[in-house]
Amino acid sequence: MTDDPDSQLWTRRTVDETRKLYADWAGTYDRDVASWGYATPGRVAMALRRSGANVDKAVLDFGCGTGLCGMALRAVGFDVIDGTDVSPEMLARAEAREVYRALWLGEPGSLGHIGPGDYSAIAACGVVGLGAAPPETLDMLVAAMAPGNLLAFSFNDATLADRAYTDRLDIVTLAPDIEMAFEEDGPHLPAKNMTSTVYVLRRT
């Protein structure tokens, strides 16, 4: 990663550009984000617990990257964690952590074999956002929720400033069977003076 990654991370780019960025970054990703004080994985995991997620049931770490969110989920009590990511280089790092029951390489814009209700909780930490997955990814994740299921995700400052993402969230929460179970602002990358909002949606 470059010394000044901001110009690369929080901008719009193609799927191929995103894959290349994370392929190049995989080797130093954990070290870099640790130096920035990356706080969102722990906040997303705790938000699921505070929203009533059943830690004995399987949770999906969507866009798992190197496995930092998986580790956070394990730390708050989740026993069965599956993960998927579009970057094979990041996925290899996640596999080495040995916190996942299953890991697989995903395709952008698809949940593959995942159907509604397959997971009672889904975590998408820093995944749906500017420079990562597009706004419509939120609709895809919501469609995988059965009644009683939870979806936890985060929007960082750059994403919150992009109406395409905030408008999509507004539209999703207008659905009569989707409720906002949790919403909290907090630290994201303190060393970069960045915050994020963590959300948990519940299908009623």
N, C-alpha and C. Protein backbone atom coordinates (compact mmCIF):
# COMPACT_ATOMS: atom_id res chain seq x y z
N MET A 1 0.84 -1.19 0.00
CA MET A 1 0.00 0.00 0.00
C MET A 1 0.88 1.24 0.00
N THR A 2 0.43 2.32 -0.60
CA THR A 2 1.20 3.54 -0.62
C THR A 2 1.13 4.23 0.73
N ASP A 3 2.02 5.20 0.94
CA ASP A 3 2.01 5.94 2.19
C ASP A 3 0.77 6.81 2.33
N ASP A 4 0.16 7.17 1.21
CA ASP A 4 -1.04 8.00 1.23
C ASP A 4 -2.13 7.29 0.45
N PRO A 5 -2.82 6.32 1.09
CA PRO A 5 -3.77 5.48 0.36
C PRO A 5 -5.14 6.11 0.15
N ASP A 6 -5.37 7.27 0.75
CA ASP A 6 -6.71 7.84 0.71
C ASP A 6 -7.23 8.02 -0.71
N SER A 7 -6.34 8.40 -1.62
CA SER A 7 -6.77 8.63 -2.99
C SER A 7 -7.22 7.34 -3.66
N GLN A 8 -6.77 6.20 -3.16
CA GLN A 8 -7.16 4.93 -3.74
C GLN A 8 -8.36 4.30 -3.04
N LEU A 9 -8.47 4.45 -1.74
CA LEU A 9 -9.45 3.69 -0.98
C LEU A 9 -10.87 4.21 -1.14
N TRP A 10 -11.08 5.48 -1.02
CA TRP A 10 -12.44 6.02 -0.91
C TRP A 10 -12.84 6.80 -2.15
N THR A 11 -12.70 6.10 -3.29
CA THR A 11 -13.11 6.66 -4.57
C THR A 11 -13.83 5.56 -5.36
N ARG A 12 -14.61 5.96 -6.33
CA ARG A 12 -15.29 4.99 -7.18
C ARG A 12 -14.28 4.32 -8.11
N ARG A 13 -14.45 3.02 -8.33
CA ARG A 13 -13.60 2.30 -9.26
C ARG A 13 -14.32 1.04 -9.73
N THR A 14 -13.74 0.41 -10.74
CA THR A 14 -14.34 -0.80 -11.30
C THR A 14 -14.04 -2.00 -10.40
N VAL A 15 -14.75 -3.10 -10.67
CA VAL A 15 -14.51 -4.33 -9.92
C VAL A 15 -13.07 -4.79 -10.08
N ASP A 16 -12.56 -4.74 -11.31
CA ASP A 16 -11.18 -5.18 -11.55
C ASP A 16 -10.19 -4.30 -10.80
N GLU A 17 -10.44 -3.01 -10.75
CA GLU A 17 -9.55 -2.10 -10.02
C GLU A 17 -9.59 -2.41 -8.53
N THR A 18 -10.77 -2.70 -8.02
CA THR A 18 -10.89 -3.03 -6.60
C THR A 18 -10.16 -4.32 -6.28
N ARG A 19 -10.32 -5.33 -7.13
CA ARG A 19 -9.63 -6.60 -6.90
C ARG A 19 -8.11 -6.40 -6.92
N LYS A 20 -7.62 -5.59 -7.85
CA LYS A 20 -6.17 -5.35 -7.91
C LYS A 20 -5.67 -4.63 -6.67
N LEU A 21 -6.45 -3.64 -6.21
CA LEU A 21 -6.04 -2.90 -5.02
C LEU A 21 -5.87 -3.84 -3.83
N TYR A 22 -6.86 -4.71 -3.62
CA TYR A 22 -6.79 -5.60 -2.46
C TYR A 22 -5.81 -6.74 -2.66
N ALA A 23 -5.58 -7.15 -3.89
CA ALA A 23 -4.54 -8.15 -4.15
C ALA A 23 -3.17 -7.59 -3.79
N ASP A 24 -2.93 -6.35 -4.17
CA ASP A 24 -1.65 -5.71 -3.87
C ASP A 24 -1.50 -5.40 -2.39
N TRP A 25 -2.63 -5.20 -1.71
CA TRP A 25 -2.60 -4.74 -0.32
C TRP A 25 -2.63 -5.89 0.69
N ALA A 26 -3.00 -7.07 0.25
CA ALA A 26 -3.26 -8.18 1.18
C ALA A 26 -2.11 -8.43 2.15
N GLY A 27 -0.89 -8.33 1.67
CA GLY A 27 0.26 -8.65 2.50
C GLY A 27 0.48 -7.71 3.67
N THR A 28 0.04 -6.46 3.54
CA THR A 28 0.27 -5.48 4.61
C THR A 28 -1.04 -4.93 5.19
N TYR A 29 -2.17 -5.46 4.73
CA TYR A 29 -3.46 -4.91 5.13
C TYR A 29 -3.63 -4.88 6.65
N ASP A 30 -3.42 -6.01 7.30
CA ASP A 30 -3.63 -6.08 8.75
C ASP A 30 -2.75 -5.08 9.49
N ARG A 31 -1.50 -5.01 9.09
CA ARG A 31 -0.58 -4.08 9.74
C ARG A 31 -1.01 -2.64 9.53
N ASP A 32 -1.41 -2.32 8.31
CA ASP A 32 -1.79 -0.94 8.00
C ASP A 32 -3.03 -0.50 8.79
N VAL A 33 -4.08 -1.33 8.74
CA VAL A 33 -5.31 -0.89 9.40
C VAL A 33 -5.16 -0.91 10.92
N ALA A 34 -4.30 -1.80 11.43
CA ALA A 34 -4.03 -1.79 12.88
C ALA A 34 -3.35 -0.48 13.27
N SER A 35 -2.46 0.01 12.41
CA SER A 35 -1.77 1.27 12.72
C SER A 35 -2.72 2.45 12.67
N TRP A 36 -3.83 2.29 11.94
CA TRP A 36 -4.83 3.36 11.87
C TRP A 36 -5.89 3.23 12.97
N GLY A 37 -5.80 2.15 13.77
CA GLY A 37 -6.75 1.96 14.87
C GLY A 37 -8.09 1.43 14.44
N TYR A 38 -8.13 0.60 13.42
CA TYR A 38 -9.38 0.11 12.83
C TYR A 38 -10.32 -0.45 13.89
N ALA A 39 -11.41 0.24 14.12
CA ALA A 39 -12.33 -0.10 15.22
C ALA A 39 -13.64 -0.71 14.77
N THR A 40 -13.98 -0.60 13.50
CA THR A 40 -15.32 -0.98 13.06
C THR A 40 -15.63 -2.47 13.18
N PRO A 41 -14.71 -3.39 12.92
CA PRO A 41 -15.07 -4.80 13.08
C PRO A 41 -15.61 -5.15 14.46
N GLY A 42 -14.94 -4.68 15.49
CA GLY A 42 -15.42 -4.94 16.85
C GLY A 42 -16.76 -4.32 17.11
N ARG A 43 -17.00 -3.14 16.56
CA ARG A 43 -18.27 -2.45 16.75
C ARG A 43 -19.41 -3.19 16.03
N VAL A 44 -19.14 -3.70 14.82
CA VAL A 44 -20.16 -4.45 14.07
C VAL A 44 -20.52 -5.73 14.81
N ALA A 45 -19.50 -6.44 15.29
CA ALA A 45 -19.75 -7.69 16.01
C ALA A 45 -20.57 -7.44 17.27
N MET A 46 -20.20 -6.42 18.02
CA MET A 46 -20.93 -6.12 19.25
C MET A 46 -22.36 -5.65 18.96
N ALA A 47 -22.53 -4.93 17.86
CA ALA A 47 -23.88 -4.48 17.49
C ALA A 47 -24.80 -5.67 17.24
N LEU A 48 -24.28 -6.72 16.61
CA LEU A 48 -25.09 -7.93 16.40
C LEU A 48 -25.50 -8.55 17.74
N ARG A 49 -24.56 -8.62 18.67
CA ARG A 49 -24.87 -9.18 19.98
C ARG A 49 -25.92 -8.32 20.68
N ARG A 50 -25.76 -7.02 20.65
CA ARG A 50 -26.69 -6.12 21.33
C ARG A 50 -28.07 -6.13 20.69
N SER A 51 -28.13 -6.56 19.42
CA SER A 51 -29.41 -6.62 18.71
C SER A 51 -30.10 -7.97 18.86
N GLY A 52 -29.48 -8.87 19.64
CA GLY A 52 -30.14 -10.13 19.95
C GLY A 52 -29.78 -11.29 19.07
N ALA A 53 -28.68 -11.20 18.32
CA ALA A 53 -28.29 -12.32 17.47
C ALA A 53 -27.97 -13.56 18.31
N ASN A 54 -28.35 -14.71 17.81
CA ASN A 54 -28.11 -15.99 18.48
C ASN A 54 -26.70 -16.47 18.14
N VAL A 55 -25.80 -16.47 19.12
CA VAL A 55 -24.40 -16.81 18.86
C VAL A 55 -24.22 -18.30 18.56
N ASP A 56 -25.23 -19.12 18.82
CA ASP A 56 -25.13 -20.55 18.54
C ASP A 56 -25.47 -20.89 17.09
N LYS A 57 -26.02 -19.91 16.36
CA LYS A 57 -26.37 -20.15 14.97
C LYS A 57 -25.28 -19.56 14.06
N ALA A 58 -25.20 -20.08 12.85
CA ALA A 58 -24.17 -19.65 11.91
C ALA A 58 -24.38 -18.20 11.49
N VAL A 59 -23.26 -17.47 11.40
CA VAL A 59 -23.27 -16.09 10.93
C VAL A 59 -22.40 -16.02 9.69
N LEU A 60 -22.80 -15.21 8.71
CA LEU A 60 -22.04 -15.02 7.48
C LEU A 60 -21.26 -13.72 7.56
N ASP A 61 -19.96 -13.81 7.39
CA ASP A 61 -19.09 -12.64 7.28
C ASP A 61 -18.92 -12.34 5.80
N PHE A 62 -19.76 -11.44 5.30
CA PHE A 62 -19.79 -11.12 3.87
C PHE A 62 -18.72 -10.07 3.58
N GLY A 63 -17.84 -10.37 2.61
CA GLY A 63 -16.72 -9.47 2.35
C GLY A 63 -15.71 -9.56 3.48
N CYS A 64 -15.34 -10.79 3.82
CA CYS A 64 -14.57 -11.03 5.04
C CYS A 64 -13.14 -10.53 5.00
N GLY A 65 -12.61 -10.24 3.80
CA GLY A 65 -11.25 -9.74 3.72
C GLY A 65 -10.26 -10.70 4.35
N THR A 66 -9.38 -10.17 5.20
CA THR A 66 -8.36 -11.01 5.85
C THR A 66 -8.87 -11.67 7.12
N GLY A 67 -10.14 -11.45 7.45
CA GLY A 67 -10.73 -12.14 8.59
C GLY A 67 -10.81 -11.33 9.87
N LEU A 68 -10.63 -10.02 9.79
CA LEU A 68 -10.68 -9.21 11.01
C LEU A 68 -12.07 -9.20 11.63
N CYS A 69 -13.10 -9.15 10.79
CA CYS A 69 -14.46 -9.19 11.34
C CYS A 69 -14.77 -10.57 11.90
N GLY A 70 -14.27 -11.61 11.25
CA GLY A 70 -14.46 -12.96 11.77
C GLY A 70 -13.86 -13.12 13.15
N MET A 71 -12.69 -12.56 13.35
CA MET A 71 -12.07 -12.59 14.66
C MET A 71 -12.90 -11.83 15.68
N ALA A 72 -13.44 -10.69 15.26
CA ALA A 72 -14.27 -9.89 16.16
C ALA A 72 -15.55 -10.63 16.52
N LEU A 73 -16.14 -11.32 15.55
CA LEU A 73 -17.34 -12.11 15.81
C LEU A 73 -17.05 -13.24 16.79
N ARG A 74 -15.92 -13.90 16.61
CA ARG A 74 -15.53 -14.97 17.52
C ARG A 74 -15.30 -14.41 18.93
N ALA A 75 -14.72 -13.22 19.00
CA ALA A 75 -14.40 -12.62 20.30
C ALA A 75 -15.64 -12.29 21.13
N VAL A 76 -16.77 -12.04 20.45
CA VAL A 76 -18.00 -11.72 21.20
C VAL A 76 -18.91 -12.92 21.35
N GLY A 77 -18.44 -14.11 20.93
CA GLY A 77 -19.19 -15.32 21.26
C GLY A 77 -19.76 -16.13 20.13
N PHE A 78 -19.64 -15.67 18.87
CA PHE A 78 -20.19 -16.46 17.76
C PHE A 78 -19.31 -17.68 17.52
N ASP A 79 -19.93 -18.84 17.45
CA ASP A 79 -19.18 -20.09 17.35
C ASP A 79 -19.03 -20.60 15.93
N VAL A 80 -20.02 -20.32 15.08
CA VAL A 80 -20.01 -20.85 13.71
C VAL A 80 -20.03 -19.67 12.74
N ILE A 81 -18.90 -19.46 12.07
CA ILE A 81 -18.73 -18.30 11.20
C ILE A 81 -18.29 -18.78 9.82
N ASP A 82 -19.02 -18.38 8.79
CA ASP A 82 -18.62 -18.62 7.41
C ASP A 82 -18.24 -17.29 6.79
N GLY A 83 -17.37 -17.34 5.78
CA GLY A 83 -16.92 -16.10 5.16
C GLY A 83 -16.80 -16.21 3.67
N THR A 84 -16.97 -15.07 3.00
CA THR A 84 -16.79 -15.01 1.56
C THR A 84 -16.20 -13.67 1.19
N ASP A 85 -15.42 -13.65 0.11
CA ASP A 85 -14.81 -12.41 -0.36
C ASP A 85 -14.49 -12.58 -1.84
N VAL A 86 -14.37 -11.45 -2.55
CA VAL A 86 -14.07 -11.51 -3.99
C VAL A 86 -12.57 -11.49 -4.26
N SER A 87 -11.75 -11.32 -3.22
CA SER A 87 -10.30 -11.27 -3.39
C SER A 87 -9.67 -12.57 -2.90
N PRO A 88 -9.10 -13.37 -3.79
CA PRO A 88 -8.47 -14.62 -3.33
C PRO A 88 -7.28 -14.38 -2.42
N GLU A 89 -6.58 -13.26 -2.64
CA GLU A 89 -5.42 -12.96 -1.80
C GLU A 89 -5.83 -12.64 -0.37
N MET A 90 -6.91 -11.88 -0.22
CA MET A 90 -7.41 -11.58 1.12
C MET A 90 -8.00 -12.83 1.76
N LEU A 91 -8.69 -13.63 0.96
CA LEU A 91 -9.33 -14.84 1.46
C LEU A 91 -8.30 -15.83 2.02
N ALA A 92 -7.14 -15.89 1.39
CA ALA A 92 -6.09 -16.78 1.88
C ALA A 92 -5.64 -16.36 3.27
N ARG A 93 -5.59 -15.07 3.51
CA ARG A 93 -5.22 -14.57 4.84
C ARG A 93 -6.29 -14.94 5.87
N ALA A 94 -7.54 -14.84 5.46
CA ALA A 94 -8.64 -15.19 6.37
C ALA A 94 -8.58 -16.67 6.73
N GLU A 95 -8.29 -17.51 5.75
CA GLU A 95 -8.24 -18.95 6.00
C GLU A 95 -7.17 -19.30 7.03
N ALA A 96 -6.07 -18.57 7.00
CA ALA A 96 -4.96 -18.85 7.92
C ALA A 96 -5.33 -18.55 9.37
N ARG A 97 -6.38 -17.77 9.60
CA ARG A 97 -6.78 -17.43 10.97
C ARG A 97 -7.49 -18.58 11.67
N GLU A 98 -8.05 -19.51 10.90
CA GLU A 98 -8.73 -20.69 11.45
C GLU A 98 -9.90 -20.32 12.37
N VAL A 99 -10.65 -19.28 12.01
CA VAL A 99 -11.85 -18.94 12.78
C VAL A 99 -13.13 -19.25 12.00
N TYR A 100 -12.98 -19.67 10.74
CA TYR A 100 -14.14 -19.89 9.88
C TYR A 100 -14.44 -21.37 9.71
N ARG A 101 -15.74 -21.69 9.71
CA ARG A 101 -16.16 -23.05 9.38
C ARG A 101 -15.95 -23.31 7.90
N ALA A 102 -16.32 -22.32 7.07
CA ALA A 102 -16.19 -22.44 5.62
C ALA A 102 -15.85 -21.08 5.04
N LEU A 103 -15.07 -21.08 3.98
CA LEU A 103 -14.71 -19.87 3.24
C LEU A 103 -14.83 -20.15 1.75
N TRP A 104 -15.29 -19.16 0.99
CA TRP A 104 -15.34 -19.36 -0.45
C TRP A 104 -15.17 -18.03 -1.18
N LEU A 105 -14.66 -18.14 -2.40
CA LEU A 105 -14.45 -16.99 -3.26
C LEU A 105 -15.78 -16.61 -3.90
N GLY A 106 -16.20 -15.38 -3.67
CA GLY A 106 -17.47 -14.92 -4.21
C GLY A 106 -17.32 -14.18 -5.52
N GLU A 107 -18.45 -13.90 -6.14
CA GLU A 107 -18.51 -13.12 -7.37
C GLU A 107 -19.20 -11.79 -7.07
N PRO A 108 -18.67 -10.68 -7.56
CA PRO A 108 -19.31 -9.39 -7.31
C PRO A 108 -20.76 -9.38 -7.77
N GLY A 109 -21.62 -8.84 -6.93
CA GLY A 109 -23.02 -8.72 -7.27
C GLY A 109 -23.83 -9.98 -7.09
N SER A 110 -23.26 -11.00 -6.43
CA SER A 110 -23.97 -12.25 -6.25
C SER A 110 -23.70 -12.84 -4.87
N LEU A 111 -24.71 -13.49 -4.31
CA LEU A 111 -24.54 -14.24 -3.09
C LEU A 111 -24.36 -15.73 -3.36
N GLY A 112 -24.29 -16.07 -4.64
CA GLY A 112 -24.05 -17.47 -5.00
C GLY A 112 -25.13 -18.38 -4.48
N HIS A 113 -24.74 -19.37 -3.69
CA HIS A 113 -25.67 -20.38 -3.23
C HIS A 113 -26.49 -19.94 -2.02
N ILE A 114 -26.24 -18.74 -1.49
CA ILE A 114 -26.92 -18.29 -0.27
C ILE A 114 -28.37 -17.90 -0.58
N GLY A 115 -29.29 -18.47 0.16
CA GLY A 115 -30.69 -18.14 0.00
C GLY A 115 -31.25 -17.49 1.24
N PRO A 116 -32.48 -16.93 1.15
CA PRO A 116 -33.10 -16.26 2.30
C PRO A 116 -33.18 -17.18 3.51
N GLY A 117 -32.66 -16.71 4.63
CA GLY A 117 -32.75 -17.46 5.87
C GLY A 117 -31.65 -18.46 6.10
N ASP A 118 -30.72 -18.60 5.16
CA ASP A 118 -29.63 -19.55 5.36
C ASP A 118 -28.77 -19.16 6.56
N TYR A 119 -28.70 -17.86 6.83
CA TYR A 119 -27.97 -17.35 7.99
C TYR A 119 -28.89 -16.44 8.79
N SER A 120 -28.95 -16.67 10.09
CA SER A 120 -29.80 -15.82 10.93
C SER A 120 -29.19 -14.44 11.13
N ALA A 121 -27.88 -14.32 10.86
CA ALA A 121 -27.22 -13.03 10.96
C ALA A 121 -26.15 -12.93 9.87
N ILE A 122 -26.04 -11.74 9.29
CA ILE A 122 -25.02 -11.44 8.29
C ILE A 122 -24.28 -10.20 8.75
N ALA A 123 -22.95 -10.24 8.67
CA ALA A 123 -22.13 -9.06 8.96
C ALA A 123 -21.44 -8.64 7.67
N ALA A 124 -21.48 -7.36 7.37
CA ALA A 124 -20.81 -6.81 6.19
C ALA A 124 -20.04 -5.57 6.65
N CYS A 125 -18.88 -5.81 7.20
CA CYS A 125 -18.11 -4.75 7.84
C CYS A 125 -17.29 -3.98 6.81
N GLY A 126 -17.66 -2.73 6.57
CA GLY A 126 -16.93 -1.90 5.64
C GLY A 126 -17.02 -2.36 4.20
N VAL A 127 -18.02 -3.16 3.87
CA VAL A 127 -18.13 -3.76 2.55
C VAL A 127 -18.97 -2.92 1.61
N VAL A 128 -20.16 -2.55 2.04
CA VAL A 128 -21.04 -1.72 1.22
C VAL A 128 -20.60 -0.28 1.42
N GLY A 129 -19.83 0.25 0.47
CA GLY A 129 -19.31 1.59 0.69
C GLY A 129 -18.53 2.10 -0.50
N LEU A 130 -18.25 3.38 -0.48
CA LEU A 130 -17.50 4.03 -1.54
C LEU A 130 -16.12 3.42 -1.65
N GLY A 131 -15.77 2.95 -2.84
CA GLY A 131 -14.49 2.29 -3.05
C GLY A 131 -14.52 0.81 -2.82
N ALA A 132 -15.66 0.29 -2.37
CA ALA A 132 -15.82 -1.15 -2.16
C ALA A 132 -17.03 -1.62 -2.96
N ALA A 133 -18.03 -2.20 -2.31
CA ALA A 133 -19.19 -2.69 -3.04
C ALA A 133 -20.19 -1.55 -3.32
N PRO A 134 -20.89 -1.61 -4.44
CA PRO A 134 -21.84 -0.54 -4.81
C PRO A 134 -23.09 -0.55 -3.94
N PRO A 135 -23.88 0.53 -4.00
CA PRO A 135 -25.05 0.67 -3.12
C PRO A 135 -26.05 -0.48 -3.23
N GLU A 136 -26.23 -1.02 -4.44
CA GLU A 136 -27.24 -2.07 -4.63
C GLU A 136 -26.88 -3.36 -3.90
N THR A 137 -25.65 -3.47 -3.43
CA THR A 137 -25.26 -4.64 -2.63
C THR A 137 -26.12 -4.73 -1.38
N LEU A 138 -26.53 -3.58 -0.86
CA LEU A 138 -27.38 -3.59 0.33
C LEU A 138 -28.69 -4.30 0.05
N ASP A 139 -29.29 -4.06 -1.11
CA ASP A 139 -30.53 -4.75 -1.48
C ASP A 139 -30.33 -6.26 -1.55
N MET A 140 -29.19 -6.66 -2.10
CA MET A 140 -28.89 -8.09 -2.23
C MET A 140 -28.79 -8.75 -0.85
N LEU A 141 -28.15 -8.08 0.10
CA LEU A 141 -28.01 -8.63 1.44
C LEU A 141 -29.36 -8.67 2.16
N VAL A 142 -30.15 -7.63 1.98
CA VAL A 142 -31.48 -7.60 2.61
C VAL A 142 -32.35 -8.72 2.06
N ALA A 143 -32.21 -9.01 0.77
CA ALA A 143 -33.00 -10.07 0.15
C ALA A 143 -32.66 -11.45 0.72
N ALA A 144 -31.48 -11.57 1.35
CA ALA A 144 -31.07 -12.85 1.94
C ALA A 144 -31.57 -13.01 3.37
N MET A 145 -32.36 -12.06 3.84
CA MET A 145 -32.88 -12.10 5.21
C MET A 145 -34.28 -12.70 5.24
N ALA A 146 -34.47 -13.68 6.08
CA ALA A 146 -35.80 -14.22 6.38
C ALA A 146 -36.32 -13.52 7.63
N PRO A 147 -37.61 -13.66 7.96
CA PRO A 147 -38.14 -13.05 9.18
C PRO A 147 -37.32 -13.42 10.41
N GLY A 148 -36.99 -12.41 11.18
CA GLY A 148 -36.19 -12.60 12.38
C GLY A 148 -34.70 -12.47 12.17
N ASN A 149 -34.25 -12.45 10.91
CA ASN A 149 -32.82 -12.35 10.61
C ASN A 149 -32.31 -10.94 10.79
N LEU A 150 -30.98 -10.84 11.01
CA LEU A 150 -30.31 -9.56 11.24
C LEU A 150 -29.22 -9.34 10.19
N LEU A 151 -29.03 -8.08 9.82
CA LEU A 151 -27.95 -7.68 8.93
C LEU A 151 -27.22 -6.51 9.57
N ALA A 152 -25.93 -6.69 9.87
CA ALA A 152 -25.11 -5.63 10.44
C ALA A 152 -24.11 -5.14 9.39
N PHE A 153 -23.99 -3.83 9.25
CA PHE A 153 -23.06 -3.27 8.27
C PHE A 153 -22.65 -1.88 8.73
N SER A 154 -21.71 -1.28 8.01
CA SER A 154 -21.19 0.03 8.40
C SER A 154 -21.02 0.93 7.20
N PHE A 155 -21.23 2.22 7.41
CA PHE A 155 -20.94 3.26 6.43
C PHE A 155 -19.90 4.19 7.04
N ASN A 156 -18.73 4.33 6.38
CA ASN A 156 -17.75 5.28 6.88
C ASN A 156 -18.08 6.69 6.41
N ASP A 157 -17.27 7.67 6.80
CA ASP A 157 -17.56 9.07 6.48
C ASP A 157 -17.72 9.30 4.99
N ALA A 158 -16.82 8.72 4.20
CA ALA A 158 -16.89 8.93 2.75
C ALA A 158 -18.18 8.37 2.18
N THR A 159 -18.61 7.24 2.68
CA THR A 159 -19.85 6.61 2.21
C THR A 159 -21.07 7.42 2.64
N LEU A 160 -21.04 7.91 3.88
CA LEU A 160 -22.15 8.72 4.37
C LEU A 160 -22.31 10.02 3.59
N ALA A 161 -21.23 10.47 2.96
CA ALA A 161 -21.29 11.70 2.17
C ALA A 161 -21.77 11.46 0.75
N ASP A 162 -21.99 10.20 0.39
CA ASP A 162 -22.42 9.84 -0.96
C ASP A 162 -23.91 9.49 -0.92
N ARG A 163 -24.73 10.31 -1.55
CA ARG A 163 -26.18 10.13 -1.50
C ARG A 163 -26.63 8.80 -2.08
N ALA A 164 -25.86 8.24 -2.99
CA ALA A 164 -26.25 6.96 -3.58
C ALA A 164 -26.38 5.88 -2.50
N TYR A 165 -25.52 5.94 -1.49
CA TYR A 165 -25.56 4.96 -0.41
C TYR A 165 -26.62 5.30 0.63
N THR A 166 -26.67 6.54 1.05
CA THR A 166 -27.64 6.91 2.09
C THR A 166 -29.07 6.85 1.56
N ASP A 167 -29.27 7.21 0.30
CA ASP A 167 -30.61 7.08 -0.27
C ASP A 167 -31.03 5.62 -0.35
N ARG A 168 -30.08 4.74 -0.69
CA ARG A 168 -30.42 3.32 -0.77
C ARG A 168 -30.84 2.78 0.59
N LEU A 169 -30.12 3.21 1.63
CA LEU A 169 -30.49 2.78 2.98
C LEU A 169 -31.87 3.31 3.36
N ASP A 170 -32.15 4.55 3.01
CA ASP A 170 -33.47 5.12 3.31
C ASP A 170 -34.58 4.31 2.63
N ILE A 171 -34.35 3.93 1.39
CA ILE A 171 -35.36 3.17 0.64
C ILE A 171 -35.56 1.79 1.27
N VAL A 172 -34.45 1.14 1.63
CA VAL A 172 -34.53 -0.20 2.24
C VAL A 172 -35.36 -0.15 3.52
N THR A 173 -35.15 0.85 4.34
CA THR A 173 -35.82 0.91 5.64
C THR A 173 -37.27 1.38 5.53
N LEU A 174 -37.70 1.76 4.33
CA LEU A 174 -39.11 2.08 4.13
C LEU A 174 -39.97 0.83 3.99
N ALA A 175 -39.33 -0.31 3.72
CA ALA A 175 -40.08 -1.55 3.59
C ALA A 175 -40.78 -1.87 4.91
N PRO A 176 -42.05 -2.29 4.86
CA PRO A 176 -42.81 -2.50 6.10
C PRO A 176 -42.27 -3.61 6.98
N ASP A 177 -41.47 -4.52 6.42
CA ASP A 177 -40.96 -5.64 7.21
C ASP A 177 -39.48 -5.49 7.56
N ILE A 178 -38.90 -4.31 7.34
CA ILE A 178 -37.51 -4.05 7.70
C ILE A 178 -37.47 -2.94 8.74
N GLU A 179 -36.85 -3.21 9.86
CA GLU A 179 -36.72 -2.20 10.90
C GLU A 179 -35.26 -1.97 11.25
N MET A 180 -34.97 -0.73 11.69
CA MET A 180 -33.64 -0.39 12.15
C MET A 180 -33.53 -0.82 13.61
N ALA A 181 -32.76 -1.88 13.85
CA ALA A 181 -32.63 -2.42 15.20
C ALA A 181 -31.51 -1.74 15.98
N PHE A 182 -30.56 -1.14 15.26
CA PHE A 182 -29.39 -0.55 15.92
C PHE A 182 -28.79 0.48 14.98
N GLU A 183 -28.34 1.61 15.53
CA GLU A 183 -27.65 2.64 14.75
C GLU A 183 -26.75 3.42 15.71
N GLU A 184 -25.46 3.45 15.41
CA GLU A 184 -24.54 4.12 16.33
C GLU A 184 -23.33 4.65 15.58
N ASP A 185 -23.03 5.93 15.80
CA ASP A 185 -21.81 6.53 15.28
C ASP A 185 -20.66 6.20 16.22
N GLY A 186 -19.46 6.10 15.65
CA GLY A 186 -18.30 5.81 16.49
C GLY A 186 -17.03 5.81 15.68
N PRO A 187 -15.92 5.41 16.30
CA PRO A 187 -14.63 5.43 15.61
C PRO A 187 -14.55 4.40 14.50
N HIS A 188 -13.84 4.77 13.46
CA HIS A 188 -13.57 3.87 12.34
C HIS A 188 -12.05 3.70 12.19
N LEU A 189 -11.38 4.77 11.75
CA LEU A 189 -9.93 4.80 11.66
C LEU A 189 -9.45 6.04 12.42
N PRO A 190 -9.30 5.95 13.72
CA PRO A 190 -8.97 7.13 14.52
C PRO A 190 -7.72 7.86 14.06
N ALA A 191 -6.72 7.13 13.60
CA ALA A 191 -5.48 7.78 13.17
C ALA A 191 -5.70 8.66 11.95
N LYS A 192 -6.77 8.41 11.22
CA LYS A 192 -7.11 9.22 10.06
C LYS A 192 -8.32 10.13 10.33
N ASN A 193 -8.70 10.21 11.60
CA ASN A 193 -9.84 11.03 12.00
C ASN A 193 -11.10 10.66 11.24
N MET A 194 -11.29 9.36 11.02
CA MET A 194 -12.47 8.86 10.33
C MET A 194 -13.38 8.14 11.30
N THR A 195 -14.67 8.37 11.14
CA THR A 195 -15.68 7.67 11.93
C THR A 195 -16.54 6.82 11.00
N SER A 196 -17.40 6.02 11.59
CA SER A 196 -18.36 5.24 10.82
C SER A 196 -19.64 5.10 11.62
N THR A 197 -20.72 4.84 10.92
CA THR A 197 -21.98 4.51 11.55
C THR A 197 -22.25 3.02 11.34
N VAL A 198 -22.52 2.34 12.43
CA VAL A 198 -22.85 0.92 12.38
C VAL A 198 -24.36 0.77 12.47
N TYR A 199 -24.92 -0.03 11.58
CA TYR A 199 -26.35 -0.26 11.52
C TYR A 199 -26.64 -1.76 11.68
N VAL A 200 -27.77 -2.07 12.25
CA VAL A 200 -28.30 -3.44 12.21
C VAL A 200 -29.75 -3.36 11.77
N LEU A 201 -30.07 -4.07 10.69
CA LEU A 201 -31.44 -4.17 10.22
C LEU A 201 -32.02 -5.53 10.64
N ARG A 202 -33.30 -5.53 10.92
CA ARG A 202 -34.01 -6.77 11.25
C ARG A 202 -35.21 -6.91 10.34
N ARG A 203 -35.39 -8.13 9.79
CA ARG A 203 -36.63 -8.40 9.05
C ARG A 203 -37.65 -8.95 10.04
N THR A 204 -38.81 -8.31 10.10
CA THR A 204 -39.84 -8.70 11.08
C THR A 204 -40.73 -9.81 10.53
